[in-house]
N, C-alpha and C. Protein backbone atom coordinates (compact mmCIF):
# COMPACT_ATOMS: atom_id res chain seq x y z
N MET A 1 2.30 -10.63 4.82
CA MET A 1 0.97 -10.23 4.37
C MET A 1 -0.05 -11.25 4.87
N ILE A 2 -1.09 -10.76 5.51
CA ILE A 2 -2.16 -11.62 5.97
C ILE A 2 -3.02 -12.00 4.77
N LYS A 3 -3.30 -13.29 4.62
CA LYS A 3 -4.04 -13.78 3.47
C LYS A 3 -5.47 -13.24 3.45
N GLU A 4 -6.15 -13.30 4.60
CA GLU A 4 -7.54 -12.86 4.68
C GLU A 4 -7.61 -11.33 4.68
N VAL A 5 -8.79 -10.83 4.39
CA VAL A 5 -9.05 -9.39 4.42
C VAL A 5 -9.62 -9.06 5.80
N LEU A 6 -9.06 -8.03 6.44
CA LEU A 6 -9.57 -7.61 7.74
C LEU A 6 -10.77 -6.70 7.55
N VAL A 7 -11.80 -6.93 8.33
CA VAL A 7 -12.97 -6.06 8.33
C VAL A 7 -12.91 -5.24 9.61
N VAL A 8 -12.71 -3.94 9.44
CA VAL A 8 -12.57 -3.01 10.57
C VAL A 8 -13.64 -1.93 10.46
N GLU A 9 -13.76 -1.12 11.49
CA GLU A 9 -14.84 -0.13 11.52
C GLU A 9 -14.52 1.19 10.83
N GLY A 10 -13.29 1.67 10.95
CA GLY A 10 -13.02 3.01 10.43
C GLY A 10 -11.66 3.17 9.79
N LYS A 11 -11.46 4.34 9.18
CA LYS A 11 -10.21 4.65 8.49
C LYS A 11 -9.01 4.62 9.42
N MET A 12 -9.19 5.11 10.63
CA MET A 12 -8.07 5.14 11.58
C MET A 12 -7.70 3.73 12.05
N ASP A 13 -8.66 2.81 12.02
CA ASP A 13 -8.34 1.41 12.31
C ASP A 13 -7.38 0.87 11.26
N VAL A 14 -7.60 1.22 10.01
CA VAL A 14 -6.72 0.78 8.92
C VAL A 14 -5.31 1.33 9.14
N VAL A 15 -5.22 2.60 9.54
CA VAL A 15 -3.91 3.20 9.81
C VAL A 15 -3.19 2.43 10.91
N ALA A 16 -3.91 2.11 11.99
CA ALA A 16 -3.31 1.38 13.11
C ALA A 16 -2.89 -0.03 12.68
N VAL A 17 -3.74 -0.72 11.93
CA VAL A 17 -3.42 -2.06 11.46
C VAL A 17 -2.18 -2.03 10.57
N ASN A 18 -2.10 -1.04 9.68
CA ASN A 18 -0.96 -0.96 8.77
C ASN A 18 0.36 -0.65 9.47
N LYS A 19 0.30 -0.08 10.66
CA LYS A 19 1.51 0.13 11.47
C LYS A 19 2.00 -1.19 12.06
N ALA A 20 1.10 -2.15 12.16
CA ALA A 20 1.42 -3.42 12.82
C ALA A 20 1.72 -4.55 11.83
N VAL A 21 0.91 -4.67 10.79
CA VAL A 21 1.02 -5.78 9.86
C VAL A 21 0.68 -5.31 8.44
N GLU A 22 1.03 -6.13 7.48
CA GLU A 22 0.64 -5.86 6.10
C GLU A 22 -0.64 -6.64 5.83
N ALA A 23 -1.72 -5.90 5.60
CA ALA A 23 -3.02 -6.55 5.39
C ALA A 23 -3.94 -5.64 4.59
N ASP A 24 -4.81 -6.25 3.82
CA ASP A 24 -5.87 -5.51 3.16
C ASP A 24 -7.03 -5.38 4.13
N CYS A 25 -7.70 -4.24 4.09
CA CYS A 25 -8.81 -3.99 5.02
C CYS A 25 -10.03 -3.48 4.27
N ILE A 26 -11.18 -3.80 4.81
CA ILE A 26 -12.44 -3.22 4.36
C ILE A 26 -13.02 -2.48 5.57
N ILE A 27 -13.45 -1.25 5.33
CA ILE A 27 -13.99 -0.40 6.39
C ILE A 27 -15.51 -0.50 6.37
N THR A 28 -16.10 -0.83 7.53
CA THR A 28 -17.57 -0.90 7.59
C THR A 28 -18.19 0.48 7.64
N GLY A 29 -17.46 1.45 8.19
CA GLY A 29 -18.03 2.78 8.35
C GLY A 29 -19.05 2.82 9.47
N GLY A 30 -18.92 1.94 10.43
CA GLY A 30 -19.88 1.87 11.53
C GLY A 30 -20.96 0.84 11.23
N PHE A 31 -22.07 0.97 11.93
CA PHE A 31 -23.13 -0.05 11.84
C PHE A 31 -23.98 0.08 10.58
N GLY A 32 -24.07 1.24 9.99
CA GLY A 32 -24.88 1.43 8.80
C GLY A 32 -24.14 1.05 7.53
N LEU A 33 -23.84 -0.21 7.36
CA LEU A 33 -23.07 -0.67 6.21
C LEU A 33 -23.82 -0.41 4.91
N GLN A 34 -23.13 0.17 3.96
CA GLN A 34 -23.67 0.41 2.63
C GLN A 34 -23.71 -0.90 1.84
N LYS A 35 -24.60 -0.99 0.87
CA LYS A 35 -24.70 -2.19 0.05
C LYS A 35 -23.37 -2.51 -0.62
N GLN A 36 -22.67 -1.50 -1.13
CA GLN A 36 -21.38 -1.73 -1.79
C GLN A 36 -20.36 -2.31 -0.80
N THR A 37 -20.39 -1.86 0.44
CA THR A 37 -19.46 -2.38 1.46
C THR A 37 -19.76 -3.85 1.73
N VAL A 38 -21.04 -4.18 1.88
CA VAL A 38 -21.43 -5.57 2.11
C VAL A 38 -21.02 -6.43 0.91
N ASP A 39 -21.21 -5.92 -0.29
CA ASP A 39 -20.79 -6.65 -1.49
C ASP A 39 -19.28 -6.88 -1.50
N ASN A 40 -18.52 -5.86 -1.09
CA ASN A 40 -17.05 -6.00 -1.02
C ASN A 40 -16.65 -7.05 0.02
N ILE A 41 -17.32 -7.03 1.14
CA ILE A 41 -17.03 -8.02 2.19
C ILE A 41 -17.38 -9.42 1.68
N ARG A 42 -18.52 -9.56 1.03
CA ARG A 42 -18.95 -10.86 0.49
C ARG A 42 -17.93 -11.39 -0.52
N HIS A 43 -17.45 -10.52 -1.39
CA HIS A 43 -16.46 -10.92 -2.39
C HIS A 43 -15.17 -11.39 -1.70
N ALA A 44 -14.69 -10.62 -0.73
CA ALA A 44 -13.48 -11.00 0.01
C ALA A 44 -13.68 -12.32 0.75
N TYR A 45 -14.84 -12.48 1.35
CA TYR A 45 -15.19 -13.70 2.10
C TYR A 45 -15.08 -14.93 1.20
N LYS A 46 -15.60 -14.81 -0.02
CA LYS A 46 -15.58 -15.95 -0.94
C LYS A 46 -14.20 -16.20 -1.53
N LYS A 47 -13.44 -15.14 -1.80
CA LYS A 47 -12.16 -15.28 -2.49
C LYS A 47 -10.98 -15.54 -1.56
N ARG A 48 -10.92 -14.81 -0.44
CA ARG A 48 -9.73 -14.88 0.42
C ARG A 48 -10.06 -15.21 1.87
N GLY A 49 -11.30 -15.04 2.25
CA GLY A 49 -11.68 -15.18 3.65
C GLY A 49 -11.56 -13.82 4.33
N ILE A 50 -12.27 -13.67 5.42
CA ILE A 50 -12.22 -12.41 6.17
C ILE A 50 -11.93 -12.68 7.64
N ILE A 51 -11.35 -11.67 8.27
CA ILE A 51 -11.16 -11.68 9.72
C ILE A 51 -11.90 -10.46 10.25
N ILE A 52 -12.89 -10.69 11.07
CA ILE A 52 -13.65 -9.59 11.68
C ILE A 52 -12.84 -9.07 12.86
N PHE A 53 -12.49 -7.78 12.80
CA PHE A 53 -11.61 -7.16 13.80
C PHE A 53 -12.23 -5.83 14.21
N THR A 54 -13.34 -5.91 14.94
CA THR A 54 -14.06 -4.71 15.35
C THR A 54 -13.62 -4.26 16.74
N ASP A 55 -14.04 -3.05 17.10
CA ASP A 55 -13.69 -2.48 18.39
C ASP A 55 -14.32 -3.28 19.52
N PRO A 56 -13.65 -3.29 20.69
CA PRO A 56 -14.19 -4.04 21.84
C PRO A 56 -15.20 -3.21 22.63
N ASP A 57 -16.18 -2.65 21.94
CA ASP A 57 -17.22 -1.87 22.61
C ASP A 57 -18.57 -2.37 22.11
N THR A 58 -19.63 -1.76 22.61
CA THR A 58 -20.98 -2.20 22.27
C THR A 58 -21.24 -2.13 20.77
N ALA A 59 -20.85 -1.04 20.15
CA ALA A 59 -21.07 -0.89 18.70
C ALA A 59 -20.26 -1.93 17.92
N GLY A 60 -19.01 -2.13 18.31
CA GLY A 60 -18.17 -3.12 17.64
C GLY A 60 -18.74 -4.52 17.74
N GLU A 61 -19.27 -4.87 18.91
CA GLU A 61 -19.87 -6.20 19.09
C GLU A 61 -21.16 -6.33 18.28
N ALA A 62 -21.93 -5.25 18.17
CA ALA A 62 -23.16 -5.28 17.35
C ALA A 62 -22.81 -5.50 15.88
N ILE A 63 -21.77 -4.83 15.41
CA ILE A 63 -21.33 -5.02 14.02
C ILE A 63 -20.86 -6.45 13.83
N ARG A 64 -20.09 -6.96 14.79
CA ARG A 64 -19.59 -8.35 14.71
C ARG A 64 -20.77 -9.32 14.61
N ARG A 65 -21.79 -9.17 15.46
CA ARG A 65 -22.95 -10.07 15.43
C ARG A 65 -23.66 -9.98 14.08
N TRP A 66 -23.80 -8.78 13.53
CA TRP A 66 -24.45 -8.59 12.24
C TRP A 66 -23.65 -9.31 11.15
N LEU A 67 -22.34 -9.18 11.19
CA LEU A 67 -21.48 -9.82 10.19
C LEU A 67 -21.49 -11.35 10.33
N ILE A 68 -21.52 -11.84 11.57
CA ILE A 68 -21.54 -13.29 11.80
C ILE A 68 -22.75 -13.93 11.13
N LYS A 69 -23.90 -13.27 11.21
CA LYS A 69 -25.11 -13.82 10.59
C LYS A 69 -24.95 -13.96 9.08
N ARG A 70 -24.22 -13.05 8.47
CA ARG A 70 -24.07 -13.05 7.02
C ARG A 70 -22.85 -13.82 6.54
N PHE A 71 -21.84 -13.92 7.40
CA PHE A 71 -20.58 -14.57 7.03
C PHE A 71 -20.17 -15.54 8.15
N PRO A 72 -20.89 -16.65 8.28
CA PRO A 72 -20.71 -17.53 9.44
C PRO A 72 -19.35 -18.21 9.55
N LYS A 73 -18.61 -18.32 8.47
CA LYS A 73 -17.30 -18.97 8.53
C LYS A 73 -16.15 -17.97 8.61
N ALA A 74 -16.50 -16.71 8.89
CA ALA A 74 -15.46 -15.69 9.04
C ALA A 74 -14.61 -16.01 10.26
N LYS A 75 -13.37 -15.58 10.20
CA LYS A 75 -12.48 -15.70 11.36
C LYS A 75 -12.66 -14.44 12.21
N HIS A 76 -12.20 -14.52 13.46
CA HIS A 76 -12.38 -13.41 14.39
C HIS A 76 -11.09 -13.11 15.14
N ALA A 77 -10.82 -11.83 15.27
CA ALA A 77 -9.71 -11.36 16.10
C ALA A 77 -10.31 -10.40 17.12
N PHE A 78 -9.84 -10.52 18.34
CA PHE A 78 -10.35 -9.69 19.44
C PHE A 78 -9.18 -8.97 20.10
N ILE A 79 -9.41 -7.72 20.46
CA ILE A 79 -8.43 -6.94 21.19
C ILE A 79 -9.07 -6.54 22.51
N SER A 80 -8.31 -6.55 23.58
CA SER A 80 -8.89 -6.24 24.89
C SER A 80 -9.22 -4.75 25.01
N ILE A 81 -10.15 -4.46 25.88
CA ILE A 81 -10.53 -3.07 26.13
C ILE A 81 -9.32 -2.28 26.63
N GLU A 82 -8.52 -2.88 27.49
CA GLU A 82 -7.33 -2.19 28.02
C GLU A 82 -6.36 -1.82 26.90
N GLU A 83 -6.13 -2.75 25.99
CA GLU A 83 -5.18 -2.51 24.91
C GLU A 83 -5.73 -1.56 23.84
N ALA A 84 -7.05 -1.41 23.81
CA ALA A 84 -7.68 -0.57 22.80
C ALA A 84 -8.21 0.74 23.39
N SER A 85 -7.72 1.10 24.55
CA SER A 85 -8.20 2.33 25.21
C SER A 85 -7.08 3.36 25.30
N ALA A 86 -7.39 4.57 24.85
CA ALA A 86 -6.46 5.71 24.98
C ALA A 86 -7.23 6.98 24.65
N HIS A 87 -6.81 8.06 25.24
CA HIS A 87 -7.39 9.37 24.95
C HIS A 87 -8.92 9.38 25.12
N ASN A 88 -9.42 8.71 26.17
CA ASN A 88 -10.86 8.63 26.44
C ASN A 88 -11.65 8.03 25.28
N ASP A 89 -11.03 7.10 24.57
CA ASP A 89 -11.68 6.45 23.44
C ASP A 89 -11.31 4.97 23.46
N ILE A 90 -12.19 4.16 22.89
CA ILE A 90 -11.94 2.72 22.78
C ILE A 90 -12.04 2.35 21.32
N GLY A 91 -11.02 1.67 20.82
CA GLY A 91 -11.09 1.20 19.44
C GLY A 91 -9.77 0.62 18.98
N VAL A 92 -9.83 -0.12 17.91
CA VAL A 92 -8.63 -0.70 17.31
C VAL A 92 -7.61 0.39 17.02
N GLU A 93 -8.09 1.56 16.61
CA GLU A 93 -7.19 2.67 16.27
C GLU A 93 -6.37 3.15 17.46
N GLN A 94 -6.81 2.84 18.67
CA GLN A 94 -6.08 3.26 19.88
C GLN A 94 -5.00 2.25 20.29
N ALA A 95 -5.02 1.08 19.71
CA ALA A 95 -4.12 0.00 20.11
C ALA A 95 -2.72 0.17 19.53
N SER A 96 -1.75 -0.33 20.26
CA SER A 96 -0.37 -0.30 19.79
C SER A 96 -0.16 -1.36 18.71
N PRO A 97 0.86 -1.20 17.89
CA PRO A 97 1.16 -2.24 16.89
C PRO A 97 1.36 -3.62 17.52
N ASP A 98 2.01 -3.69 18.68
CA ASP A 98 2.21 -4.98 19.35
C ASP A 98 0.89 -5.60 19.77
N SER A 99 -0.04 -4.78 20.28
CA SER A 99 -1.35 -5.29 20.67
C SER A 99 -2.11 -5.83 19.47
N ILE A 100 -2.03 -5.13 18.36
CA ILE A 100 -2.71 -5.57 17.14
C ILE A 100 -2.10 -6.87 16.64
N LYS A 101 -0.77 -6.96 16.64
CA LYS A 101 -0.10 -8.20 16.22
C LYS A 101 -0.53 -9.36 17.12
N ARG A 102 -0.58 -9.12 18.43
CA ARG A 102 -0.98 -10.16 19.38
C ARG A 102 -2.41 -10.63 19.08
N ALA A 103 -3.32 -9.69 18.87
CA ALA A 103 -4.72 -10.04 18.58
C ALA A 103 -4.81 -10.85 17.29
N LEU A 104 -4.07 -10.45 16.28
CA LEU A 104 -4.13 -11.16 15.00
C LEU A 104 -3.41 -12.50 15.03
N SER A 105 -2.53 -12.69 15.99
CA SER A 105 -1.86 -13.99 16.13
C SER A 105 -2.76 -15.02 16.81
N ARG A 106 -3.87 -14.56 17.41
CA ARG A 106 -4.79 -15.45 18.11
C ARG A 106 -6.16 -15.51 17.42
N VAL A 107 -6.16 -15.44 16.12
CA VAL A 107 -7.41 -15.47 15.36
C VAL A 107 -8.14 -16.78 15.63
N ARG A 108 -9.44 -16.68 15.79
CA ARG A 108 -10.28 -17.85 16.05
C ARG A 108 -11.32 -18.01 14.95
N THR A 109 -11.65 -19.25 14.65
CA THR A 109 -12.70 -19.55 13.69
C THR A 109 -13.79 -20.30 14.43
N PRO A 110 -15.03 -19.82 14.35
CA PRO A 110 -16.10 -20.53 15.05
C PRO A 110 -16.40 -21.88 14.41
N ASN A 111 -16.69 -22.84 15.25
CA ASN A 111 -17.12 -24.16 14.82
C ASN A 111 -18.62 -24.20 15.11
N TRP A 112 -19.43 -24.21 14.08
CA TRP A 112 -20.87 -24.08 14.28
C TRP A 112 -21.52 -25.34 14.80
N GLN A 113 -20.74 -26.38 14.98
CA GLN A 113 -21.24 -27.54 15.70
C GLN A 113 -20.73 -27.38 17.12
N VAL A 114 -21.55 -26.77 17.96
CA VAL A 114 -21.16 -26.43 19.32
C VAL A 114 -20.66 -27.66 20.04
N GLN A 115 -19.54 -27.50 20.74
CA GLN A 115 -18.89 -28.63 21.40
C GLN A 115 -19.47 -28.95 22.77
N ASN A 116 -20.03 -27.98 23.46
CA ASN A 116 -20.57 -28.16 24.81
C ASN A 116 -19.57 -28.77 25.78
N ILE A 117 -18.32 -28.34 25.66
CA ILE A 117 -17.28 -28.76 26.60
C ILE A 117 -17.45 -28.03 27.91
N PHE A 118 -17.84 -26.76 27.82
CA PHE A 118 -17.94 -25.90 29.00
C PHE A 118 -19.39 -25.63 29.34
N THR A 119 -19.66 -25.45 30.65
CA THR A 119 -21.01 -25.18 31.13
C THR A 119 -21.00 -23.92 31.99
N ALA A 120 -22.18 -23.47 32.31
CA ALA A 120 -22.32 -22.33 33.22
C ALA A 120 -21.69 -22.65 34.56
N GLN A 121 -21.73 -23.90 34.96
CA GLN A 121 -21.11 -24.32 36.23
C GLN A 121 -19.60 -24.09 36.22
N ASP A 122 -18.97 -24.31 35.07
CA ASP A 122 -17.53 -24.05 34.95
C ASP A 122 -17.24 -22.58 35.23
N LEU A 123 -18.06 -21.70 34.65
CA LEU A 123 -17.86 -20.27 34.84
C LEU A 123 -18.07 -19.89 36.30
N LEU A 124 -19.10 -20.42 36.93
CA LEU A 124 -19.35 -20.13 38.34
C LEU A 124 -18.21 -20.63 39.22
N ARG A 125 -17.80 -21.88 38.99
CA ARG A 125 -16.74 -22.50 39.80
C ARG A 125 -15.43 -21.71 39.72
N GLU A 126 -15.13 -21.18 38.54
CA GLU A 126 -13.87 -20.47 38.34
C GLU A 126 -13.98 -18.97 38.60
N GLY A 127 -15.14 -18.52 39.08
CA GLY A 127 -15.31 -17.11 39.39
C GLY A 127 -15.45 -16.23 38.17
N LEU A 128 -15.89 -16.82 37.06
CA LEU A 128 -16.05 -16.08 35.81
C LEU A 128 -17.48 -15.57 35.62
N SER A 129 -18.34 -15.92 36.54
CA SER A 129 -19.70 -15.37 36.56
C SER A 129 -20.20 -15.37 38.00
N GLY A 130 -21.09 -14.46 38.27
CA GLY A 130 -21.72 -14.42 39.59
C GLY A 130 -20.94 -13.75 40.69
N GLY A 131 -19.76 -13.22 40.40
CA GLY A 131 -18.95 -12.58 41.44
C GLY A 131 -18.62 -11.14 41.10
N THR A 132 -18.10 -10.43 42.07
CA THR A 132 -17.78 -9.02 41.86
C THR A 132 -16.61 -8.82 40.89
N GLU A 133 -15.71 -9.78 40.80
CA GLU A 133 -14.56 -9.68 39.91
C GLU A 133 -14.74 -10.50 38.62
N SER A 134 -15.91 -11.08 38.43
CA SER A 134 -16.14 -11.98 37.29
C SER A 134 -15.91 -11.30 35.95
N SER A 135 -16.42 -10.10 35.80
CA SER A 135 -16.27 -9.38 34.54
C SER A 135 -14.79 -9.14 34.22
N HIS A 136 -14.05 -8.72 35.22
CA HIS A 136 -12.61 -8.48 35.05
C HIS A 136 -11.88 -9.77 34.68
N LYS A 137 -12.22 -10.86 35.36
CA LYS A 137 -11.58 -12.15 35.07
C LYS A 137 -11.90 -12.63 33.66
N ARG A 138 -13.16 -12.46 33.23
CA ARG A 138 -13.53 -12.86 31.86
C ARG A 138 -12.77 -12.04 30.83
N ALA A 139 -12.62 -10.75 31.12
CA ALA A 139 -11.88 -9.89 30.19
C ALA A 139 -10.44 -10.37 30.04
N LYS A 140 -9.79 -10.64 31.17
CA LYS A 140 -8.39 -11.12 31.13
C LYS A 140 -8.29 -12.48 30.44
N LEU A 141 -9.17 -13.40 30.82
CA LEU A 141 -9.12 -14.74 30.24
C LEU A 141 -9.48 -14.70 28.76
N GLY A 142 -10.44 -13.86 28.39
CA GLY A 142 -10.81 -13.73 26.99
C GLY A 142 -9.65 -13.24 26.14
N THR A 143 -8.87 -12.32 26.70
CA THR A 143 -7.68 -11.84 26.00
C THR A 143 -6.65 -12.97 25.85
N MET A 144 -6.44 -13.71 26.92
CA MET A 144 -5.47 -14.80 26.88
C MET A 144 -5.87 -15.89 25.87
N LEU A 145 -7.16 -16.16 25.78
CA LEU A 145 -7.64 -17.22 24.90
C LEU A 145 -7.92 -16.74 23.48
N GLY A 146 -7.89 -15.42 23.28
CA GLY A 146 -8.14 -14.87 21.96
C GLY A 146 -9.61 -14.85 21.58
N ILE A 147 -10.50 -14.77 22.58
CA ILE A 147 -11.93 -14.74 22.29
C ILE A 147 -12.58 -13.44 22.76
N GLY A 148 -11.80 -12.53 23.27
CA GLY A 148 -12.30 -11.22 23.64
C GLY A 148 -13.15 -11.19 24.89
N TYR A 149 -13.56 -9.97 25.26
CA TYR A 149 -14.42 -9.78 26.42
C TYR A 149 -15.87 -10.02 26.02
N ALA A 150 -16.63 -10.61 26.94
CA ALA A 150 -18.06 -10.80 26.71
C ALA A 150 -18.74 -11.01 28.06
N ASN A 151 -20.05 -10.82 28.08
CA ASN A 151 -20.80 -11.17 29.29
C ASN A 151 -20.72 -12.69 29.43
N ALA A 152 -21.19 -13.22 30.56
CA ALA A 152 -21.03 -14.65 30.86
C ALA A 152 -21.68 -15.54 29.80
N LYS A 153 -22.86 -15.18 29.35
CA LYS A 153 -23.57 -16.00 28.37
C LYS A 153 -22.80 -16.08 27.04
N VAL A 154 -22.36 -14.94 26.54
CA VAL A 154 -21.62 -14.91 25.28
C VAL A 154 -20.24 -15.55 25.45
N PHE A 155 -19.61 -15.33 26.61
CA PHE A 155 -18.30 -15.93 26.87
C PHE A 155 -18.40 -17.46 26.81
N LEU A 156 -19.43 -18.01 27.43
CA LEU A 156 -19.65 -19.46 27.40
C LEU A 156 -19.86 -19.94 25.97
N GLN A 157 -20.65 -19.20 25.21
CA GLN A 157 -20.87 -19.55 23.81
C GLN A 157 -19.55 -19.55 23.03
N ARG A 158 -18.73 -18.53 23.26
CA ARG A 158 -17.44 -18.46 22.55
C ARG A 158 -16.51 -19.60 22.95
N LEU A 159 -16.50 -19.94 24.22
CA LEU A 159 -15.68 -21.08 24.65
C LEU A 159 -16.06 -22.34 23.89
N ASN A 160 -17.36 -22.53 23.69
CA ASN A 160 -17.85 -23.75 23.06
C ASN A 160 -17.87 -23.70 21.53
N THR A 161 -17.71 -22.53 20.93
CA THR A 161 -17.75 -22.47 19.46
C THR A 161 -16.44 -22.07 18.82
N TYR A 162 -15.48 -21.56 19.60
CA TYR A 162 -14.22 -21.12 19.00
C TYR A 162 -13.08 -22.12 19.21
N GLY A 163 -13.42 -23.35 19.50
CA GLY A 163 -12.42 -24.41 19.54
C GLY A 163 -11.51 -24.40 20.76
N ILE A 164 -11.95 -23.81 21.85
CA ILE A 164 -11.14 -23.80 23.08
C ILE A 164 -11.18 -25.20 23.69
N LYS A 165 -10.03 -25.72 23.98
CA LYS A 165 -9.92 -27.04 24.60
C LYS A 165 -9.85 -26.89 26.11
N ARG A 166 -10.24 -27.93 26.83
CA ARG A 166 -10.26 -27.90 28.30
C ARG A 166 -8.87 -27.57 28.86
N ASP A 167 -7.82 -28.20 28.34
CA ASP A 167 -6.48 -27.94 28.87
C ASP A 167 -6.02 -26.51 28.59
N GLU A 168 -6.40 -25.96 27.44
CA GLU A 168 -6.07 -24.58 27.10
C GLU A 168 -6.74 -23.63 28.09
N PHE A 169 -8.00 -23.90 28.40
CA PHE A 169 -8.78 -23.12 29.37
C PHE A 169 -8.13 -23.19 30.76
N GLU A 170 -7.80 -24.39 31.19
CA GLU A 170 -7.22 -24.57 32.52
C GLU A 170 -5.82 -23.95 32.64
N ASN A 171 -5.02 -24.07 31.59
CA ASN A 171 -3.69 -23.44 31.61
C ASN A 171 -3.80 -21.92 31.68
N ALA A 172 -4.74 -21.34 30.94
CA ALA A 172 -4.95 -19.89 30.99
C ALA A 172 -5.43 -19.47 32.38
N LEU A 173 -6.30 -20.29 33.00
CA LEU A 173 -6.76 -19.99 34.36
C LEU A 173 -5.61 -19.99 35.36
N LYS A 174 -4.68 -20.94 35.22
CA LYS A 174 -3.52 -21.01 36.11
C LYS A 174 -2.68 -19.74 35.99
N ILE A 175 -2.46 -19.30 34.77
CA ILE A 175 -1.70 -18.08 34.54
C ILE A 175 -2.43 -16.87 35.15
N LEU A 176 -3.73 -16.84 34.95
CA LEU A 176 -4.55 -15.74 35.50
C LEU A 176 -4.49 -15.74 37.02
N GLN A 177 -4.55 -16.89 37.64
CA GLN A 177 -4.49 -16.97 39.10
C GLN A 177 -3.14 -16.51 39.63
N LYS A 178 -2.07 -16.81 38.90
CA LYS A 178 -0.74 -16.33 39.32
C LYS A 178 -0.65 -14.80 39.23
N GLU A 179 -1.28 -14.23 38.20
CA GLU A 179 -1.28 -12.77 38.03
C GLU A 179 -2.04 -12.08 39.14
N VAL A 180 -3.12 -12.72 39.61
CA VAL A 180 -3.97 -12.13 40.64
C VAL A 180 -3.28 -12.12 41.99
N LYS A 181 -2.44 -13.13 42.24
CA LYS A 181 -1.76 -13.24 43.56
C LYS A 181 -0.67 -12.25 43.73
């Protein structure tokens, strides 16, 4: 049983999560969160902690940003677009139990004292921004590091706030380079 309460977008996300792990979930119902839902999330946040586990799409990221502002010490789980895509749909509900377990095994907690270990130059040097394959590389690396897919600016922010260490970043890059060859 996962100690924290998972915050997911829909009922089918709960079904998918329950096939993978034993966890309590709160459903946001999309971006228009009801006051009672926010109150339930707040209560879980204070009592057990929460893990934000939204879909890897624009709406899911918007919900995540909205929740981060209100629950800054929440933990985060990310699932890749590839693992969450099926039947012309993207979402946690499309992911396999193994993919969900993998995402939940790499939960990250933001450190609001930004570390500034990584710079935009790091992303450029490693081909994670400014190139034709940059988006694809960030998606793969984000999955490996457990910080999800993001544009270059958000990816850099996540590297510096989710506790990624330089050696962890470099080891993931080495693995990614072997996969590309």
